[in-house]
Amino acid sequence: MRELTFAASRRLTAGGLLWASLIQIFVVNLGFVLPRASSQNLEEHIMSALGVTRCSRIGGFRFCSPWHEAADIAWIVAGVCLTLGAVLNMVIFPPDRLRNLTFGVLTVSGLGLVSTGFNPYNLRPTVHLLSAGTCFFCGAVGVLLLGRMLRQAHRPYWGATGIACGATSIVSATLTGIRPDPGAQGLFERISAWPSVIWLICMGAFIASSTWRARTRRGRVVAR
């Protein structure tokens, strides 16, 4: 990690807040959409079921999601925030191939999430599944690579947790792709998505708060 200009620190504050705002996925889907759906079984029902626009059979189970618009909008907004956050936060590292690859795959992950929201599972299942798969795998790879970069930048805690969360998501996403027991499909999906998303939320909050404190200290020094 390098010394930042005032403009770069403002970019990081905005980028960190964008990543931290991903928490709205959990607030909307778990707090509002899921309780009003026809079932609340997180283990059996895949996450995509929350966005179906009419009652359908999802993975062998009949599922209705009256608040499906909220779920789809939450995914679209989160994808935009993830993408813009990746573009803004890349300034934290000097330009090189690893940095470009890391933030590039995170950007692709965000675009996949946007596409997931615009293509509900029951209307365009092929596009939805490809978009969700892109989001899961690219997000996990991006988090793992970012964890590696943070370890190299002498941030061992963030580096180790990023690598662990990314690896967990990759393994679970792979298992999800080879179709585990339908009764556990939802569980595998959530294990493949949630660790990386939660880590990005925490990382975003850390980036924004650290940058804000650094700017505040710098302002006090200049004032003196």
Protein backbone atom coordinates (compact mmCIF):
# COMPACT_ATOMS: atom_id res chain seq x y z
CA MET A 1 0.00 0.00 0.00
CA ARG A 2 1.28 3.45 -0.84
CA GLU A 3 1.10 7.08 0.23
CA LEU A 4 -2.03 8.63 -1.23
CA THR A 5 -2.80 12.07 -2.57
CA PHE A 6 -5.83 13.99 -1.33
CA ALA A 7 -7.78 13.08 -4.48
CA ALA A 8 -6.87 9.41 -4.14
CA SER A 9 -7.94 9.36 -0.49
CA ARG A 10 -11.33 10.80 -1.47
CA ARG A 11 -11.69 8.05 -4.07
CA LEU A 12 -10.89 5.44 -1.45
CA THR A 13 -13.40 6.86 1.00
CA ALA A 14 -16.11 6.65 -1.65
CA GLY A 15 -14.99 3.21 -2.81
CA GLY A 16 -14.89 1.86 0.72
CA LEU A 17 -18.39 3.13 1.45
CA LEU A 18 -19.67 1.54 -1.76
CA TRP A 19 -18.31 -1.86 -0.70
CA ALA A 20 -19.60 -1.42 2.83
CA SER A 21 -23.06 -0.70 1.39
CA LEU A 22 -23.24 -4.30 0.14
CA ILE A 23 -24.71 -5.06 3.55
CA GLN A 24 -28.03 -3.96 2.08
CA ILE A 25 -28.25 -7.35 0.33
CA PHE A 26 -28.63 -9.06 3.69
CA VAL A 27 -30.91 -6.37 5.10
CA VAL A 28 -33.29 -6.50 2.14
CA ASN A 29 -33.28 -10.22 1.40
CA LEU A 30 -33.15 -11.61 4.93
CA GLY A 31 -35.05 -8.82 6.65
CA PHE A 32 -37.85 -8.14 4.17
CA VAL A 33 -38.02 -10.52 1.18
CA LEU A 34 -37.45 -13.92 2.78
CA PRO A 35 -39.91 -13.55 5.70
CA ARG A 36 -42.67 -12.79 3.20
CA ALA A 37 -41.86 -15.66 0.84
CA SER A 38 -43.74 -18.95 0.84
CA SER A 39 -40.90 -20.71 2.66
CA GLN A 40 -37.93 -19.68 4.80
CA ASN A 41 -35.69 -22.69 4.34
CA LEU A 42 -32.19 -21.33 3.75
CA GLU A 43 -30.78 -24.82 3.33
CA GLU A 44 -33.02 -26.07 0.53
CA HIS A 45 -34.08 -22.98 -1.42
CA ILE A 46 -31.53 -21.31 -3.67
CA MET A 47 -31.02 -17.56 -3.37
CA SER A 48 -32.37 -17.03 -6.89
CA ALA A 49 -35.81 -18.13 -5.67
CA LEU A 50 -36.22 -14.79 -3.88
CA GLY A 51 -36.26 -13.00 -7.23
CA VAL A 52 -38.77 -15.17 -9.14
CA THR A 53 -41.53 -13.02 -10.59
CA ARG A 54 -44.30 -15.59 -10.15
CA CYS A 55 -44.85 -18.76 -8.14
CA SER A 56 -42.67 -21.49 -9.66
CA ARG A 57 -41.04 -24.81 -8.92
CA ILE A 58 -37.47 -24.05 -7.91
CA GLY A 59 -35.15 -27.01 -7.44
CA GLY A 60 -38.08 -29.35 -6.94
CA PHE A 61 -39.84 -27.04 -4.46
CA ARG A 62 -42.75 -24.72 -5.14
CA PHE A 63 -41.74 -21.19 -4.15
CA CYS A 64 -43.47 -17.81 -4.14
CA SER A 65 -41.71 -14.50 -3.49
CA PRO A 66 -44.20 -11.59 -3.29
CA TRP A 67 -41.39 -9.08 -2.73
CA HIS A 68 -39.31 -10.32 -5.66
CA GLU A 69 -38.83 -6.77 -7.00
CA ALA A 70 -36.96 -5.82 -3.83
CA ALA A 71 -34.62 -8.80 -4.16
CA ASP A 72 -33.86 -8.10 -7.82
CA ILE A 73 -33.28 -4.38 -7.17
CA ALA A 74 -31.02 -5.18 -4.22
CA TRP A 75 -28.85 -7.38 -6.46
CA ILE A 76 -28.68 -4.74 -9.19
CA VAL A 77 -27.74 -1.97 -6.75
CA ALA A 78 -25.17 -4.20 -5.04
CA GLY A 79 -23.62 -5.10 -8.39
CA VAL A 80 -23.25 -1.43 -9.30
CA CYS A 81 -21.70 -0.67 -5.89
CA LEU A 82 -19.29 -3.61 -6.17
CA THR A 83 -18.21 -2.55 -9.67
CA LEU A 84 -17.76 1.15 -8.88
CA GLY A 85 -16.05 0.30 -5.60
CA ALA A 86 -13.53 -1.89 -7.42
CA VAL A 87 -12.76 0.90 -9.90
CA LEU A 88 -12.25 3.43 -7.10
CA ASN A 89 -10.41 1.21 -4.63
CA MET A 90 -7.75 -0.01 -7.05
CA VAL A 91 -5.87 3.25 -6.40
CA ILE A 92 -4.76 1.83 -3.05
CA PHE A 93 -2.07 -0.27 -4.82
CA PRO A 94 0.56 0.71 -7.39
CA PRO A 95 -0.31 -0.28 -10.97
CA ASP A 96 0.77 -3.78 -11.99
CA ARG A 97 -0.69 -6.90 -13.57
CA LEU A 98 -1.84 -8.45 -10.30
CA ARG A 99 -3.66 -5.30 -9.27
CA ASN A 100 -5.37 -5.02 -12.64
CA LEU A 101 -6.36 -8.69 -12.57
CA THR A 102 -7.65 -8.53 -8.99
CA PHE A 103 -9.85 -5.48 -9.42
CA GLY A 104 -10.79 -6.55 -12.94
CA VAL A 105 -12.36 -9.81 -11.77
CA LEU A 106 -14.12 -7.97 -8.94
CA THR A 107 -15.57 -5.61 -11.54
CA VAL A 108 -16.76 -8.56 -13.62
CA SER A 109 -18.30 -10.07 -10.49
CA GLY A 110 -20.29 -6.87 -9.94
CA LEU A 111 -21.49 -6.85 -13.54
CA GLY A 112 -22.57 -10.48 -13.15
CA LEU A 113 -24.61 -9.51 -10.10
CA VAL A 114 -26.29 -6.70 -12.03
CA SER A 115 -27.21 -9.16 -14.78
CA THR A 116 -28.57 -11.59 -12.19
CA GLY A 117 -31.04 -8.97 -10.97
CA PHE A 118 -32.13 -8.01 -14.48
CA ASN A 119 -32.69 -11.65 -15.49
CA PRO A 120 -34.90 -13.42 -12.92
CA TYR A 121 -34.45 -17.17 -12.65
CA ASN A 122 -37.95 -18.09 -13.85
CA LEU A 123 -37.84 -15.80 -16.90
CA ARG A 124 -34.33 -16.32 -18.29
CA PRO A 125 -32.82 -19.22 -16.33
CA THR A 126 -29.76 -19.73 -18.55
CA VAL A 127 -28.69 -16.08 -18.44
CA HIS A 128 -29.47 -15.91 -14.73
CA LEU A 129 -27.38 -18.96 -13.87
CA LEU A 130 -24.45 -17.85 -16.03
CA SER A 131 -24.58 -14.40 -14.43
CA ALA A 132 -24.78 -15.81 -10.91
CA GLY A 133 -21.93 -18.24 -11.61
CA THR A 134 -19.79 -15.40 -12.94
CA CYS A 135 -20.58 -13.34 -9.86
CA PHE A 136 -19.74 -16.18 -7.45
CA PHE A 137 -16.48 -17.34 -9.07
CA CYS A 138 -15.06 -13.93 -10.01
CA GLY A 139 -15.96 -12.49 -6.63
CA ALA A 140 -14.27 -15.37 -4.83
CA VAL A 141 -11.14 -15.18 -7.01
CA GLY A 142 -11.00 -11.41 -6.56
CA VAL A 143 -11.22 -11.65 -2.78
CA LEU A 144 -8.54 -14.35 -2.69
CA LEU A 145 -6.18 -12.29 -4.87
CA LEU A 146 -6.87 -9.13 -2.88
CA GLY A 147 -6.08 -11.05 0.29
CA ARG A 148 -2.77 -12.08 -1.23
CA MET A 149 -1.97 -8.48 -2.14
CA LEU A 150 -2.79 -7.31 1.38
CA ARG A 151 -0.44 -9.92 2.85
CA GLN A 152 2.32 -8.63 0.60
CA ALA A 153 1.46 -5.11 1.76
CA HIS A 154 2.02 -6.12 5.40
CA ARG A 155 -1.66 -6.42 6.33
CA PRO A 156 -1.48 -10.01 7.59
CA TYR A 157 -4.92 -10.14 9.24
CA TRP A 158 -6.81 -8.82 6.23
CA GLY A 159 -4.65 -10.88 3.92
CA ALA A 160 -5.22 -14.17 5.74
CA THR A 161 -8.96 -13.66 6.14
CA GLY A 162 -9.34 -12.62 2.50
CA ILE A 163 -7.53 -15.72 1.29
CA ALA A 164 -9.58 -17.93 3.61
CA CYS A 165 -12.91 -16.40 2.56
CA GLY A 166 -12.02 -16.49 -1.12
CA ALA A 167 -10.88 -20.12 -0.95
CA THR A 168 -14.02 -21.13 0.95
CA SER A 169 -16.21 -19.46 -1.67
CA ILE A 170 -14.33 -21.06 -4.57
CA VAL A 171 -14.64 -24.57 -3.12
CA SER A 172 -18.32 -24.14 -2.32
CA ALA A 173 -19.07 -22.56 -5.72
CA THR A 174 -17.40 -25.54 -7.39
CA LEU A 175 -19.51 -27.94 -5.35
CA THR A 176 -22.62 -25.92 -6.20
CA GLY A 177 -21.76 -26.20 -9.89
CA ILE A 178 -21.62 -29.99 -9.79
CA ARG A 179 -25.11 -30.11 -8.26
CA PRO A 180 -25.01 -31.44 -4.68
CA ASP A 181 -28.03 -32.96 -2.97
CA PRO A 182 -31.03 -30.74 -3.93
CA GLY A 183 -31.92 -30.55 -0.26
CA ALA A 184 -28.66 -28.68 0.39
CA GLN A 185 -28.43 -26.58 -2.78
CA GLY A 186 -29.34 -23.36 -0.97
CA LEU A 187 -26.78 -24.02 1.75
CA PHE A 188 -23.95 -24.54 -0.76
CA GLU A 189 -24.94 -21.38 -2.65
CA ARG A 190 -24.85 -19.28 0.49
CA ILE A 191 -21.49 -20.67 1.56
CA SER A 192 -20.13 -19.84 -1.89
CA ALA A 193 -21.42 -16.25 -1.81
CA TRP A 194 -21.60 -15.00 1.76
CA PRO A 195 -17.96 -15.31 2.98
CA SER A 196 -16.59 -13.19 0.13
CA VAL A 197 -19.40 -10.63 0.33
CA ILE A 198 -19.07 -10.27 4.10
CA TRP A 199 -15.31 -9.84 3.77
CA LEU A 200 -15.78 -7.12 1.12
CA ILE A 201 -18.26 -5.33 3.40
CA CYS A 202 -15.76 -5.36 6.27
CA MET A 203 -12.89 -4.42 3.95
CA GLY A 204 -14.90 -1.51 2.57
CA ALA A 205 -15.69 -0.23 6.05
CA PHE A 206 -12.00 -0.52 7.00
CA ILE A 207 -10.85 1.33 3.87
CA ALA A 208 -13.36 4.14 4.33
CA SER A 209 -12.71 4.61 8.06
CA SER A 210 -8.92 4.40 7.74
CA THR A 211 -8.83 6.86 4.87
CA TRP A 212 -11.16 9.25 6.69
CA ARG A 213 -9.00 9.18 9.82
CA ALA A 214 -5.85 9.76 7.76
CA ARG A 215 -7.43 12.76 6.01
CA THR A 216 -8.59 14.16 9.35
CA ARG A 217 -5.12 13.85 10.88
CA ARG A 218 -3.56 15.44 7.81
CA GLY A 219 -6.01 18.33 8.00
CA ARG A 220 -5.13 18.95 11.64
CA VAL A 221 -1.43 19.01 10.86
CA VAL A 222 -1.95 21.52 8.03
CA ALA A 223 -4.12 23.68 10.30
CA ARG A 224 -1.31 23.93 12.79
